[in-house]
Amino acid sequence: MKTEGPWTLVGLDFPDKTSSQLVLSTHPDRRMIDVEIRVADVRRAYEQLRQSPGVRWLTEPFPIEQGHVAVMLAPDGNAFVLIGG
């Protein structure tokens, strides 16, 4: 599906700016709220968590401009974005 027109992405930092961020989007294809958790090393966190029962990875770590990102689905059904080095 091709998205028409502009859309907005807003990140809201929690009080400890090094911990996590709540991300809201008006993108019509994204109907969920992202909680981004900042970690020192996304690839290491992925390796430590990938064998955890109930955790399903929606994306394995992939590079971005300033580090890496991976997306997990927790046992409670919530999605979390790991972002960092």
Protein backbone atom coordinates (compact mmCIF):
# COMPACT_ATOMS: atom_id res chain seq x y z
CA MET A 1 0.00 0.00 0.00
CA LYS A 2 1.43 3.35 -1.01
CA THR A 3 1.06 6.04 1.62
CA GLU A 4 -0.20 9.36 0.29
CA GLY A 5 0.67 12.71 1.80
CA PRO A 6 2.86 13.68 4.73
CA TRP A 7 2.87 11.97 8.11
CA THR A 8 4.43 12.82 11.47
CA LEU A 9 6.68 10.92 13.87
CA VAL A 10 7.15 12.29 17.41
CA GLY A 11 9.39 10.89 20.14
CA LEU A 12 8.73 11.66 23.80
CA ASP A 13 11.69 11.09 26.13
CA PHE A 14 11.14 9.68 29.59
CA PRO A 15 12.80 11.59 32.48
CA ASP A 16 15.99 9.53 32.14
CA LYS A 17 16.81 10.47 28.55
CA THR A 18 19.21 7.53 28.25
CA SER A 19 16.56 4.90 29.03
CA SER A 20 13.63 4.90 26.62
CA GLN A 21 11.29 6.90 24.44
CA LEU A 22 7.61 6.74 23.53
CA VAL A 23 7.13 7.19 19.77
CA LEU A 24 3.83 8.29 18.23
CA SER A 25 3.13 8.32 14.50
CA THR A 26 0.34 9.51 12.22
CA HIS A 27 1.43 7.07 9.50
CA PRO A 28 -1.76 5.35 8.28
CA ASP A 29 -0.07 1.93 8.04
CA ARG A 30 1.29 2.03 11.60
CA ARG A 31 -1.52 1.55 14.09
CA MET A 32 0.59 0.89 17.18
CA ILE A 33 2.63 2.91 19.64
CA ASP A 34 6.36 2.17 19.72
CA VAL A 35 8.25 2.12 22.97
CA GLU A 36 11.92 2.51 22.17
CA ILE A 37 14.35 1.16 24.74
CA ARG A 38 17.86 2.50 24.46
CA VAL A 39 20.57 -0.09 25.00
CA ALA A 40 24.34 0.18 24.72
CA ASP A 41 24.60 -2.62 22.14
CA VAL A 42 21.50 -3.80 20.25
CA ARG A 43 23.22 -6.86 18.81
CA ARG A 44 24.37 -7.98 22.25
CA ALA A 45 20.91 -7.42 23.78
CA TYR A 46 19.40 -9.40 20.91
CA GLU A 47 21.78 -12.31 21.54
CA GLN A 48 20.98 -12.26 25.27
CA LEU A 49 17.19 -12.11 24.74
CA ARG A 50 16.66 -14.23 21.64
CA GLN A 51 16.43 -17.50 23.57
CA SER A 52 13.94 -16.10 26.10
CA PRO A 53 10.65 -18.02 26.13
CA GLY A 54 7.78 -16.04 24.69
CA VAL A 55 9.91 -13.34 23.05
CA ARG A 56 9.34 -13.16 19.31
CA TRP A 57 11.58 -11.01 17.14
CA LEU A 58 9.78 -8.97 14.51
CA THR A 59 13.13 -7.75 13.14
CA GLU A 60 16.66 -8.85 13.86
CA PRO A 61 19.23 -6.10 14.49
CA PHE A 62 19.80 -3.89 11.45
CA PRO A 63 22.06 -0.85 11.03
CA ILE A 64 20.79 2.71 11.11
CA GLU A 65 22.63 6.01 10.83
CA GLN A 66 23.75 6.00 14.47
CA GLY A 67 23.81 2.36 15.56
CA HIS A 68 21.36 -0.52 15.28
CA VAL A 69 17.66 -1.30 15.79
CA ALA A 70 15.75 -4.51 16.53
CA VAL A 71 12.05 -5.03 17.29
CA MET A 72 10.71 -7.63 19.69
CA LEU A 73 7.25 -8.80 20.65
CA ALA A 74 7.19 -9.47 24.41
CA PRO A 75 5.25 -12.35 26.00
CA ASP A 76 2.49 -9.90 26.99
CA GLY A 77 1.98 -8.94 23.33
CA ASN A 78 3.60 -5.52 23.51
CA ALA A 79 6.18 -4.55 20.89
CA PHE A 80 9.44 -2.93 21.97
CA VAL A 81 12.05 -1.32 19.76
CA LEU A 82 15.64 -1.74 20.94
CA ILE A 83 17.78 1.14 19.71
CA GLY A 84 21.42 1.92 20.34
CA GLY A 85 24.96 1.04 19.38
